Protein backbone atom coordinates (compact mmCIF):
# COMPACT_ATOMS: atom_id res chain seq x y z
CA MET A 1 -2.58 -24.04 -18.60
CA PHE A 2 -2.76 -25.56 -14.52
CA ASN A 3 -0.12 -27.20 -13.25
CA LEU A 4 -0.95 -29.56 -10.03
CA LYS A 5 0.17 -27.20 -8.17
CA SER A 6 -2.08 -24.44 -9.33
CA ILE A 7 -4.65 -27.01 -9.34
CA TYR A 8 -3.93 -27.37 -5.58
CA PHE A 9 -4.28 -23.82 -4.81
CA TYR A 10 -7.05 -23.18 -7.11
CA PHE A 11 -9.69 -25.81 -5.05
CA LEU A 12 -7.69 -24.12 -1.57
CA ALA A 13 -9.36 -21.23 -2.59
CA ILE A 14 -12.81 -22.07 -3.64
CA GLN A 15 -12.85 -23.83 -0.02
CA ILE A 16 -11.62 -20.53 1.52
CA SER A 17 -14.24 -18.39 -0.59
CA LEU A 18 -16.95 -20.36 0.26
CA ILE A 19 -15.80 -20.66 3.84
CA LYS A 20 -16.02 -16.61 3.87
CA PHE A 21 -19.23 -16.33 2.12
CA ILE A 22 -20.52 -18.99 5.41
CA LYS A 23 -18.98 -17.25 7.77
CA LYS A 24 -20.18 -13.50 6.33
CA ILE A 25 -23.63 -15.13 7.17
CA TYR A 26 -23.19 -16.51 10.40
CA PHE A 27 -21.63 -13.56 11.89
CA SER A 28 -24.63 -11.23 10.67
CA THR A 29 -26.59 -13.57 13.18
CA SER A 30 -27.80 -12.46 16.11
CA TYR A 31 -26.74 -15.77 17.59
CA TYR A 32 -23.34 -15.07 16.70
CA ASN A 33 -22.99 -11.77 18.00
CA LYS A 34 -24.40 -13.11 21.62
CA SER A 35 -21.72 -15.63 21.78
CA LEU A 36 -19.30 -12.57 21.76
CA VAL A 37 -20.48 -11.36 25.05
CA SER A 38 -18.45 -12.39 27.89
CA LYS A 39 -17.46 -11.27 31.27
CA THR A 40 -16.93 -7.51 31.95
CA PRO A 41 -12.93 -6.53 33.23
CA GLN A 42 -13.10 -5.26 36.43
CA GLN A 43 -10.31 -2.85 35.68
CA PHE A 44 -7.23 -1.90 33.34
CA TYR A 45 -4.12 -4.15 35.12
CA PHE A 46 -1.85 -1.31 33.96
CA HIS A 47 -1.88 1.58 31.36
CA PRO A 48 0.92 0.72 28.62
CA ASN A 49 2.62 3.99 26.83
CA PRO A 50 0.33 5.54 24.22
CA PHE A 51 4.30 6.88 22.79
CA LEU A 52 4.40 2.71 22.14
CA LEU A 53 2.10 3.55 19.37
CA SER A 54 4.13 5.90 17.50
CA SER A 55 5.86 2.62 15.68
CA ILE A 56 3.14 1.92 13.55
CA THR A 57 1.54 5.20 13.24
CA ASN A 58 2.11 7.42 10.29
CA TYR A 59 1.99 11.09 11.72
CA LYS A 60 0.97 13.31 8.61
CA LYS A 61 -1.82 11.04 7.72
CA TYR A 62 -4.52 13.59 9.43
CA SER A 63 -4.41 17.14 10.66
CA PHE A 64 -7.98 17.42 12.12
CA LYS A 65 -9.25 18.77 15.99
CA ILE A 66 -11.54 16.42 17.36
CA GLY A 67 -13.01 19.12 19.18
CA GLU A 68 -14.13 21.12 16.74
CA ILE A 69 -16.10 18.54 15.15
CA ASP A 70 -19.58 17.91 15.50
CA PRO A 71 -19.32 13.96 17.90
CA ASN A 72 -22.56 13.63 16.32
CA VAL A 73 -21.96 13.67 12.64
CA PHE A 74 -18.30 12.36 13.02
CA TRP A 75 -19.07 9.11 11.79
CA LEU A 76 -21.98 10.32 8.86
CA ASN A 77 -19.54 12.32 6.41
CA LYS A 78 -19.02 10.07 3.40
CA LYS A 79 -15.63 8.93 2.76
CA ASN A 80 -13.77 6.53 0.77
CA ALA A 81 -12.55 3.10 1.75
CA TRP A 82 -9.14 3.83 2.39
CA GLU A 83 -10.40 6.69 4.35
CA GLU A 84 -12.79 5.01 6.07
CA LYS A 85 -10.23 2.39 7.58
CA GLU A 86 -8.06 4.95 8.62
CA LEU A 87 -10.67 6.03 10.82
CA HIS A 88 -12.08 3.14 11.64
CA SER A 89 -8.90 1.43 13.24
CA PHE A 90 -8.55 4.79 15.54
CA LEU A 91 -4.62 4.93 15.03
CA TRP A 92 -5.45 8.63 14.64
CA LEU A 93 -5.60 8.30 18.32
CA ASN A 94 -2.19 9.85 19.08
CA LEU A 95 -2.34 12.98 17.35
CA ILE A 96 -4.96 14.39 19.29
CA ASP A 97 -4.92 17.06 21.83
CA ARG A 98 -4.42 15.18 24.97
CA LYS A 99 -5.54 17.83 27.07
CA ASN A 100 -8.61 19.40 25.35
CA ASP A 101 -10.30 16.83 23.25
CA GLY A 102 -10.48 14.06 25.95
CA LYS A 103 -14.61 14.87 26.31
CA SER A 104 -14.99 15.15 22.48
CA LEU A 105 -13.06 11.28 21.82
CA GLN A 106 -15.37 9.80 24.64
CA LYS A 107 -18.15 11.22 22.74
CA ILE A 108 -16.89 9.91 19.32
CA ILE A 109 -16.14 6.44 20.71
CA ASP A 110 -19.79 6.40 22.50
CA VAL A 111 -21.45 6.89 18.84
CA TRP A 112 -19.08 4.15 17.45
CA VAL A 113 -20.20 1.79 19.84
CA LEU A 114 -23.87 2.40 19.50
CA LYS A 115 -23.64 2.14 15.83
CA HIS A 116 -20.92 -0.78 15.23
CA SER A 117 -21.28 -2.90 18.83
CA LYS A 118 -22.24 -5.75 16.30
CA TYR A 119 -20.53 -7.32 13.17
CA LYS A 120 -20.36 -5.01 10.34
CA LYS A 121 -17.96 -6.41 7.44
CA ASN A 122 -15.42 -3.08 6.54
CA VAL A 123 -15.62 -2.19 10.32
CA TRP A 124 -14.79 -5.31 11.75
CA GLU A 125 -12.08 -6.42 9.19
CA SER A 126 -9.74 -8.18 10.80
CA SER A 127 -6.80 -5.34 10.10
CA VAL A 128 -9.25 -2.56 11.08
CA LEU A 129 -10.33 -4.32 14.03
CA SER A 130 -6.87 -5.39 15.52
CA LYS A 131 -5.82 -1.60 15.40
CA ARG A 132 -8.85 -0.47 16.96
CA ILE A 133 -7.80 -2.63 19.56
CA ILE A 134 -4.11 -1.71 20.02
CA SER A 135 -5.11 2.14 19.74
CA TRP A 136 -7.69 1.83 22.28
CA ILE A 137 -6.56 -0.13 25.06
CA LEU A 138 -2.68 2.53 24.45
CA ASN A 139 -4.52 5.57 24.61
CA VAL A 140 -6.91 4.67 27.44
CA ASP A 141 -5.69 7.07 29.85
CA ILE A 142 -7.40 9.98 27.80
CA ILE A 143 -10.40 7.75 26.53
CA LEU A 144 -11.63 6.85 30.41
CA ASN A 145 -10.21 9.82 32.02
CA ASN A 146 -13.21 11.47 33.84
CA GLY A 147 -15.74 9.57 31.85
CA SER A 148 -18.96 7.97 33.42
CA PHE A 149 -19.50 4.42 34.99
CA TYR A 150 -21.81 3.47 31.86
CA PHE A 151 -19.18 4.96 29.21
CA LYS A 152 -16.47 2.97 30.91
CA ARG A 153 -18.49 -0.53 31.18
CA ASN A 154 -19.85 -0.48 27.55
CA PHE A 155 -15.85 0.77 26.15
CA LEU A 156 -14.58 -2.62 28.39
CA ASN A 157 -17.43 -4.36 27.02
CA SER A 158 -16.73 -3.29 23.52
CA ILE A 159 -12.94 -4.33 23.66
CA ILE A 160 -14.22 -7.77 24.77
CA VAL A 161 -16.61 -8.64 22.22
CA GLN A 162 -14.18 -7.82 19.41
CA THR A 163 -11.20 -9.41 20.97
CA ASN A 164 -13.20 -12.78 21.04
CA HIS A 165 -14.35 -12.27 17.52
CA LEU A 166 -10.18 -11.90 16.84
CA LYS A 167 -9.78 -15.20 18.80
CA LYS A 168 -12.92 -16.88 17.78
CA ASN A 169 -11.21 -16.71 13.80
CA ILE A 170 -7.80 -16.62 13.76
CA LYS A 171 -7.52 -19.84 12.39
CA PHE A 172 -9.12 -19.13 9.38
CA GLU A 173 -6.46 -15.81 8.98
CA LYS A 174 -3.83 -17.35 6.53
CA ASN A 175 -2.14 -13.68 5.95
CA TYR A 176 0.52 -13.60 7.86
CA SER A 177 0.91 -9.65 8.03
CA LYS A 178 -2.80 -9.49 9.35
CA ARG A 179 -2.08 -12.76 11.71
CA VAL A 180 0.56 -10.45 13.34
CA GLU A 181 -1.93 -7.49 13.93
CA ILE A 182 -4.47 -10.27 15.75
CA LEU A 183 -1.52 -11.65 17.98
CA THR A 184 -0.80 -8.19 19.07
CA ALA A 185 -4.26 -7.25 19.82
CA LEU A 186 -4.68 -10.49 21.59
CA LEU A 187 -1.58 -10.15 23.39
CA ILE A 188 -2.05 -7.14 24.60
CA SER A 189 -5.58 -7.24 25.71
CA GLY A 190 -4.45 -10.43 27.98
CA LEU A 191 -2.17 -8.17 29.29
CA VAL A 192 -4.45 -5.30 30.70
CA PHE A 193 -7.30 -7.89 31.61
CA LYS A 194 -6.21 -10.17 34.27
CA GLU A 195 -9.84 -11.90 33.48
CA TYR A 196 -8.26 -12.53 30.25
CA ILE A 197 -4.70 -13.63 30.55
CA ASN A 198 -5.35 -16.52 28.38
CA ASN A 199 -5.66 -13.98 25.56
CA PHE A 200 -1.70 -13.44 26.24
CA ASN A 201 -1.00 -17.04 26.60
CA THR A 202 -2.47 -17.71 23.27
CA GLY A 203 -0.85 -14.33 21.26
CA ILE A 204 2.46 -15.65 22.52
CA LYS A 205 2.02 -19.08 21.21
CA GLU A 206 0.74 -18.46 18.39
CA LEU A 207 3.56 -15.62 17.80
CA GLU A 208 6.17 -17.78 18.34
CA LYS A 209 4.62 -20.35 15.65
CA LEU A 210 4.26 -17.29 13.40
CA VAL A 211 8.03 -16.59 13.89
CA LYS A 212 9.20 -19.94 13.08
CA ASN A 213 7.05 -20.08 9.82
CA TYR A 214 8.18 -16.35 8.41
CA PHE A 215 11.16 -15.75 8.52
CA ASP A 216 14.46 -17.23 7.87
CA ASN A 217 17.34 -18.04 9.93
CA ASP A 218 18.78 -14.35 9.73
CA GLY A 219 15.17 -12.95 10.38
CA PHE A 220 14.47 -11.70 7.25
CA PRO A 221 11.07 -12.62 5.93
CA LEU A 222 10.24 -15.49 3.55
CA THR A 223 8.69 -13.10 1.37
CA ARG A 224 12.01 -11.24 0.87
CA ASN A 225 10.07 -8.03 1.13
CA PRO A 226 11.94 -5.40 2.36
CA SER A 227 8.53 -3.68 3.45
CA ASP A 228 7.49 -6.67 5.46
CA LEU A 229 10.96 -6.47 7.61
CA ILE A 230 10.00 -3.11 8.80
CA PHE A 231 6.20 -4.08 9.39
CA PHE A 232 6.93 -7.04 11.34
CA SER A 233 9.74 -5.61 13.34
CA LYS A 234 7.20 -2.57 14.11
CA TYR A 235 4.96 -5.09 15.83
CA LEU A 236 7.42 -7.59 17.39
CA MET A 237 8.67 -4.26 19.59
CA LEU A 238 5.53 -3.19 20.25
CA CYS A 239 4.84 -6.68 22.00
CA LYS A 240 8.21 -6.64 23.57
CA GLU A 241 7.50 -3.50 24.83
CA CYS A 242 3.75 -3.71 26.06
CA ILE A 243 5.20 -6.88 27.80
CA LYS A 244 7.59 -5.25 29.75
CA ASP A 245 5.24 -2.39 30.92
CA ALA A 246 3.42 -4.95 32.09
CA GLN A 247 6.39 -6.39 34.09
CA GLN A 248 6.12 -9.75 32.51
CA TYR A 249 8.89 -11.96 31.30
CA VAL A 250 9.63 -11.51 27.88
CA PRO A 251 9.70 -14.99 26.20
CA GLU A 252 13.46 -15.87 24.23
CA PHE A 253 12.07 -16.23 20.94
CA LEU A 254 10.77 -12.81 20.59
CA ASP A 255 14.43 -11.05 22.10
CA THR A 256 15.95 -13.19 19.46
CA ILE A 257 13.60 -12.62 16.23
CA ILE A 258 14.01 -8.72 17.36
CA ASP A 259 17.87 -8.64 17.07
CA LYS A 260 17.98 -10.73 13.97
CA ASN A 261 15.28 -8.42 12.25
CA LEU A 262 17.26 -5.21 13.66
CA ARG A 263 20.43 -6.69 11.85
CA CYS A 264 18.30 -7.54 8.97
CA ILE A 265 17.44 -3.41 8.87
CA LYS A 266 20.97 -2.30 9.39
CA ASN A 267 22.56 -4.15 6.14
CA ILE A 268 19.44 -2.82 4.09
CA LEU A 269 18.95 0.63 5.18
CA THR A 270 19.77 2.92 2.38
CA PRO A 271 21.83 6.16 2.71
CA ASN A 272 18.85 8.02 2.27
CA ASN A 273 17.04 6.41 5.15
CA GLN A 274 15.11 3.97 3.13
CA THR A 275 14.60 0.46 2.13
CA PRO A 276 15.64 -0.59 -1.39
CA LEU A 277 12.77 -1.10 -3.87
CA PHE A 278 13.06 -5.18 -3.94
CA ASN A 279 10.24 -7.79 -4.44
CA GLY A 280 7.54 -5.50 -3.27
CA GLY A 281 9.34 -2.75 -1.53
CA THR A 282 8.10 0.75 -1.26
CA GLU A 283 9.40 3.95 -0.07
CA ASP A 284 8.63 4.23 3.50
CA ASN A 285 9.78 7.09 6.05
CA LEU A 286 11.56 5.75 8.37
CA GLU A 287 12.19 8.63 10.69
CA GLN A 288 9.78 7.89 13.01
CA PHE A 289 10.47 4.17 13.14
CA ASN A 290 14.21 5.54 13.60
CA LYS A 291 12.57 7.57 16.62
CA PHE A 292 11.02 4.91 17.90
CA LEU A 293 14.14 2.66 18.24
CA ASN A 294 16.54 5.42 19.50
CA GLU A 295 13.84 6.36 22.73
CA LEU A 296 13.95 2.79 23.47
CA ASP A 297 17.84 2.51 22.95
CA TYR A 298 16.92 -0.29 20.27
CA LYS A 299 20.61 -1.22 19.09
CA SER A 300 21.38 -2.72 15.63
CA LYS A 301 23.66 -5.47 15.26
CA ASP A 302 26.42 -5.96 13.16
CA LYS A 303 25.99 -6.14 9.38
CA LYS A 304 26.09 -9.30 7.18
CA ASN A 305 27.35 -8.81 2.83
CA ILE A 306 24.05 -10.74 2.39
CA ILE A 307 20.59 -10.47 3.81
CA GLY A 308 17.48 -11.63 2.69
CA GLY A 309 18.54 -12.30 -1.11
CA ILE A 310 20.53 -8.89 -0.88
CA HIS A 311 24.16 -8.17 -1.59
CA THR A 312 25.13 -4.80 -0.11
CA PHE A 313 28.08 -2.80 0.36
CA ASN A 314 29.45 0.60 0.77
CA ILE A 315 32.48 1.93 -0.05
CA LYS A 316 33.80 5.56 0.54
CA ASP A 317 30.65 7.17 -1.10
CA SER A 318 28.89 5.14 -2.82
CA ALA A 319 26.56 1.83 -2.27
CA ILE A 320 25.35 -1.07 -3.67
CA PHE A 321 22.05 -3.22 -2.93
CA PHE A 322 22.04 -6.26 -5.79
CA ASP A 323 19.25 -8.91 -5.77
CA VAL A 324 21.10 -12.27 -5.74
CA GLY A 325 17.97 -14.09 -4.15
CA GLU A 326 15.92 -16.92 -5.71
CA PRO A 327 12.30 -16.33 -5.60
CA PRO A 328 9.87 -17.11 -2.43
CA LYS A 329 7.52 -19.84 -2.43
CA LYS A 330 4.65 -19.69 -3.66
CA SER A 331 2.26 -19.36 -0.32
CA PHE A 332 5.33 -16.40 0.36
CA SER A 333 4.74 -14.69 -3.30
CA LYS A 334 2.10 -12.37 -3.67
CA SER A 335 4.43 -9.01 -3.33
CA TYR A 336 7.39 -10.97 -5.69
CA GLN A 337 8.86 -8.64 -8.51
CA SER A 338 10.65 -10.55 -11.54
CA GLY A 339 14.01 -8.98 -11.19
CA PRO A 340 16.42 -11.27 -10.58
CA LEU A 341 20.15 -9.84 -10.45
CA SER A 342 18.85 -6.11 -10.63
CA PHE A 343 20.64 -3.56 -8.69
CA GLU A 344 20.20 -0.16 -6.94
CA TYR A 345 22.91 2.41 -6.62
CA TYR A 346 23.44 5.57 -4.48
CA LEU A 347 26.52 8.34 -4.77
CA ASP A 348 27.14 10.46 -1.64
CA GLY A 349 23.57 9.49 -0.39
CA GLU A 350 21.76 9.88 -3.50
CA LYS A 351 19.85 7.39 -5.21
CA ILE A 352 20.77 7.20 -8.79
CA ILE A 353 19.96 3.51 -10.60
CA THR A 354 16.57 2.21 -8.88
CA ASN A 355 13.68 -0.22 -9.37
CA CYS A 356 10.71 0.63 -10.49
CA GLY A 357 8.93 0.34 -7.23
CA PHE A 358 5.73 -1.86 -6.21
CA GLY A 359 2.66 -0.25 -7.24
CA SER A 360 0.36 -1.48 -4.63
CA ASN A 361 -0.28 1.81 -2.70
CA ILE A 362 -1.81 3.42 -6.35
CA SER A 363 -3.48 0.55 -8.26
CA SER A 364 -4.10 -2.81 -9.20
CA LYS A 365 -3.04 -1.80 -12.63
CA ALA A 366 0.40 -0.17 -11.14
CA GLU A 367 0.95 -3.51 -9.05
CA LEU A 368 1.05 -5.53 -12.41
CA LEU A 369 3.11 -3.28 -13.97
CA SER A 370 5.73 -3.05 -11.54
CA ARG A 371 5.81 -7.15 -11.48
CA LEU A 372 7.14 -7.01 -15.02
CA THR A 373 11.20 -7.65 -15.32
CA SER A 374 11.51 -4.90 -17.23
CA ALA A 375 10.19 -2.50 -14.46
CA GLN A 376 13.87 -3.73 -12.67
CA SER A 377 17.18 -2.72 -13.65
CA THR A 378 18.46 -5.87 -15.38
CA LEU A 379 18.20 -7.96 -18.24
CA THR A 380 15.14 -9.04 -20.33
CA LEU A 381 14.84 -11.32 -23.67
CA ASN A 382 12.71 -10.41 -25.67
CA ASP A 383 10.91 -8.48 -23.75
CA THR A 384 9.70 -11.77 -21.47
CA SER A 385 9.41 -11.38 -17.67
CA ILE A 386 11.22 -14.26 -16.24
CA THR A 387 8.81 -15.28 -13.10
CA ARG A 388 5.04 -15.85 -14.41
CA PHE A 389 1.87 -15.07 -11.91
CA GLU A 390 -0.91 -16.68 -11.29
CA ARG A 391 -3.86 -15.14 -14.00
CA ASN A 392 -6.74 -17.25 -12.35
CA LYS A 393 -8.72 -14.60 -10.40
CA LEU A 394 -10.17 -16.57 -7.97
CA ILE A 395 -6.43 -17.60 -6.80
CA ASN A 396 -5.59 -14.23 -6.75
CA ARG A 397 -8.10 -12.79 -4.96
CA ILE A 398 -7.70 -15.27 -2.09
CA PHE A 399 -3.64 -15.81 -2.06
CA GLY A 400 -2.58 -12.52 -4.12
CA ASN A 401 -0.79 -12.47 -7.56
CA SER A 402 1.74 -15.68 -6.58
CA ILE A 403 3.96 -16.80 -8.72
CA LYS A 404 3.75 -20.30 -11.10
CA ASN A 405 7.56 -20.75 -11.80
CA THR A 406 10.72 -20.71 -10.29
CA PHE A 407 14.58 -20.11 -11.16
CA LYS A 408 17.70 -20.92 -9.54
CA ILE A 409 21.29 -18.17 -8.73
CA ASN A 410 24.30 -19.72 -9.65
CA ASN A 411 28.09 -18.87 -9.10
CA LEU A 412 27.26 -16.06 -6.54
CA ASP A 413 30.89 -14.62 -5.56
CA PHE A 414 32.44 -11.99 -3.89
CA VAL A 415 35.91 -10.64 -3.88
CA GLU A 416 37.63 -7.84 -2.82
CA ASP A 417 41.53 -7.13 -2.72
CA LYS A 418 43.21 -3.50 -2.90
CA ASN A 419 41.73 -2.24 -5.89
CA GLN A 420 37.87 -3.22 -6.26
CA ILE A 421 35.08 -4.97 -4.75
CA LYS A 422 33.04 -7.17 -7.46
CA PHE A 423 30.03 -9.09 -6.88
CA ILE A 424 29.21 -11.98 -9.58
CA ALA A 425 26.39 -14.31 -9.82
CA SER A 426 23.83 -15.44 -12.60
CA HIS A 427 20.53 -17.02 -12.92
CA ASN A 428 18.80 -19.92 -15.15
CA GLY A 429 15.54 -17.79 -15.75
CA TYR A 430 15.91 -17.76 -19.46
CA GLU A 431 17.31 -21.14 -20.07
CA LYS A 432 14.22 -23.42 -20.35
CA LYS A 433 12.80 -20.82 -23.12
CA PHE A 434 15.79 -19.68 -24.80
CA GLY A 435 18.32 -21.32 -23.74
CA CYS A 436 20.41 -18.57 -22.08
CA ILE A 437 22.02 -17.57 -18.75
CA HIS A 438 22.23 -14.38 -17.07
CA LYS A 439 25.57 -13.54 -15.55
CA ARG A 440 26.24 -10.30 -13.97
CA GLU A 441 29.11 -8.71 -12.36
CA ILE A 442 29.34 -5.56 -10.61
CA SER A 443 32.52 -3.82 -9.48
CA ILE A 444 33.47 -0.27 -7.68
CA ASP A 445 37.17 0.78 -8.23
CA LYS A 446 38.18 1.66 -4.67
CA LEU A 447 41.08 4.13 -6.37
CA ASN A 448 38.42 6.65 -8.03
CA GLY A 449 34.84 5.23 -7.23
CA LYS A 450 34.02 3.66 -10.45
CA LEU A 451 30.88 1.80 -10.79
CA ILE A 452 31.75 -1.04 -13.53
CA GLY A 453 29.64 -3.73 -14.72
CA TYR A 454 29.43 -6.83 -17.05
CA ASP A 455 26.49 -8.20 -18.20
CA GLU A 456 26.97 -11.59 -19.97
CA ILE A 457 24.22 -13.55 -22.11
CA ILE A 458 25.78 -17.16 -22.13
CA LYS A 459 23.69 -19.34 -24.90
CA LYS A 460 23.51 -23.00 -23.86
CA LYS A 461 22.00 -24.02 -26.90
CA ASP A 462 21.20 -22.78 -30.48
CA GLY A 463 18.17 -21.26 -31.14
CA LYS A 464 16.49 -18.43 -32.79
CA PRO A 465 16.84 -15.15 -32.50
CA LEU A 466 16.40 -12.99 -29.62
CA ASN A 467 16.59 -9.20 -28.59
CA TYR A 468 17.94 -8.60 -25.61
CA SER A 469 17.30 -5.16 -23.37
CA LEU A 470 19.37 -3.86 -20.58
CA ARG A 471 17.58 -1.59 -18.46
CA PHE A 472 18.86 0.86 -16.11
CA HIS A 473 15.91 2.94 -14.18
CA LEU A 474 17.09 6.42 -13.25
CA TYR A 475 15.47 8.12 -9.78
CA PRO A 476 12.88 10.67 -10.27
CA GLY A 477 14.19 14.09 -10.57
CA LEU A 478 17.29 13.06 -12.14
CA THR A 479 17.84 14.35 -16.11
CA ALA A 480 19.78 12.18 -18.93
CA VAL A 481 21.13 13.41 -22.09
CA LYS A 482 22.75 11.64 -24.80
CA THR A 483 26.38 12.64 -25.63
CA MET A 484 27.50 13.08 -29.47
CA GLY A 485 29.45 9.95 -29.63
CA GLY A 486 25.60 7.62 -28.92
CA ASN A 487 27.49 5.50 -26.51
CA SER A 488 26.98 7.82 -23.08
CA VAL A 489 24.59 9.80 -21.27
CA LEU A 490 25.23 12.68 -18.67
CA ILE A 491 23.41 11.73 -15.79
CA GLN A 492 22.93 15.35 -14.27
CA ILE A 493 22.57 15.17 -10.36
CA SER A 494 22.47 18.51 -9.26
CA LYS A 495 23.92 21.92 -10.67
CA LYS A 496 27.91 21.21 -10.03
CA LYS A 497 28.00 17.39 -9.75
CA SER A 498 27.14 14.87 -12.58
CA LEU A 499 27.88 11.43 -13.80
CA ILE A 500 28.67 9.86 -17.24
CA PHE A 501 27.16 6.27 -18.21
CA THR A 502 29.05 4.87 -20.64
CA ILE A 503 28.54 1.30 -22.81
CA ILE A 504 32.05 0.12 -24.39
CA ASP A 505 31.34 -0.90 -27.44
CA GLY A 506 27.64 -0.32 -27.77
CA SER A 507 24.66 2.39 -27.85
CA ILE A 508 22.26 3.63 -25.72
CA LEU A 509 18.61 4.84 -25.55
CA LEU A 510 17.13 7.09 -23.46
CA GLU A 511 13.41 6.02 -23.10
CA LYS A 512 10.66 7.25 -20.74
CA SER A 513 9.60 5.25 -17.93
CA ILE A 514 7.30 5.53 -14.77
CA PHE A 515 7.92 5.04 -10.86
CA LEU A 516 6.01 3.36 -8.86
CA GLY A 517 7.28 3.31 -5.13
CA ARG A 518 5.32 6.01 -3.56
CA ASN A 519 1.36 6.77 -3.43
CA LYS A 520 1.15 7.98 -6.92
CA ILE A 521 2.90 7.18 -10.32
CA LEU A 522 6.36 9.81 -11.17
CA ASP A 523 7.95 10.06 -14.75
CA ASN A 524 11.45 9.04 -14.47
CA THR A 525 14.39 8.44 -17.61
CA CYS A 526 15.51 4.91 -18.66
CA VAL A 527 18.95 4.39 -19.72
CA THR A 528 18.83 0.92 -22.04
CA VAL A 529 21.25 -0.84 -23.98
CA SER A 530 19.19 -3.17 -26.85
CA GLY A 531 20.17 -5.62 -29.32
CA ASN A 532 19.64 -8.76 -31.31
CA LEU A 533 21.80 -12.07 -31.17
CA VAL A 534 21.43 -15.33 -32.43
CA ASN A 535 23.88 -18.43 -31.84
CA LYS A 536 26.71 -16.64 -29.39
CA ASN A 537 27.27 -15.16 -26.12
CA LYS A 538 26.68 -11.28 -25.66
CA THR A 539 28.77 -9.65 -23.47
CA ILE A 540 27.80 -5.63 -22.57
CA HIS A 541 30.13 -3.77 -20.61
CA TRP A 542 29.37 -0.34 -18.94
CA GLU A 543 30.81 1.79 -16.56
CA ILE A 544 29.21 5.22 -14.24
CA LYS A 545 31.81 7.39 -13.20
CA LYS A 546 31.70 11.27 -11.53
CA ASN A 547 32.10 13.45 -14.64
CA ILE A 548 34.99 15.83 -13.55
């Protein structure tokens, strides 16, 4: 059943689909391709530092040496769609032997320009094209070194034709991630070519609008996705460093948002140097990114208790990440996961309690599963997810799997004394359908490090019997065994380290689960507490402590 908001997005999706269809036909015409040709730049005003590309490059994706590959067949080998995009983005340029692979690289690019100088759907997809321009410009020293006059001319013309395509079509790009890639490419092209300074001016102007519309006052993305925070920070810093290399003035808004981004990153960075798995987050290795920050002497700022709706605290050897945020607006919700009051728990730098992660790097089915409330370490009623998502295929194809309903977070509180640190929050996501409020308290005992939790199901009105399930997903690799009493689980971390998970006045089930936070599905274990209630409140008291 469509609501008014869904109807609006449905007709908007039809409009966008129609525009895309017409554009696809138009882009293939000789008239359009001729319109992209403009003045050839005389030279590069400066050569940006190729090290700057390391912030957006995964150093482990490629291991080939292009000097050992025949340039004539480089683009002929059959590849899957993902590999094709990766190759055509040219981000692998940072991995080549800069002393010995120059000539082979020129031949590979020469063949590319010959074959793909005109628009082709996949090769000229905005994200792939933007990365290609950025990579070409940041590696221009090796690309043009000892190159012929004709190669240099064709190479420069190709960059301009591609940037002109981006500039003509940026107004149609509604995806914020792709927009920041496009703007980075335009900005950098305007810095290195004096003839195209307008590209820089356009890039800065539109980038300021993007920052204003995409981040909250703390500098956290309105998607509430930790992976988006890392992604945008990389591109914003790349823009800033290229502006500095060109000895141009860095706009104040860019300095400000980067400072805020770094504070947010410091706030949510986990003990194992990753980000928590909330709202579309995946396990990204930030080792290269941290190296990038250190090399350029970026300093993270002081921490806050709550950033982006994620409540964090560290005490001694324990760390807690607690999702106390409300869902994002519909237009920012394509990666949102339905798991309010879910949490992740670390001990001695190792992850113990996790969410299942977002399966976008695996498959559409894995992504769908990861949106379920049951995939988060929190409460579900009648096996029902708190948030409903759009089911219309057209809307999902254009906007992603956006949300249809919302809920409120209430009673948010933080208490600290000499004995404990405690978080308190509740949400009304189940109130309309089941007449229930979920309230969660999580605290750490400062004396012994014990993690204590209270999950309360508050019945606001009488109704039908309900079943509840409280899930605690264990991180892959951890083993768990029920104790004889039936209300405790022994969690084995290593040969000499284990934890006891106990439910006070209740029983525990160990269930098989799946972990979707990487590039493949992993098996893991889920500690589950289930039961039934009718017309009364229910409080579930649980504890996690070291097994001594």
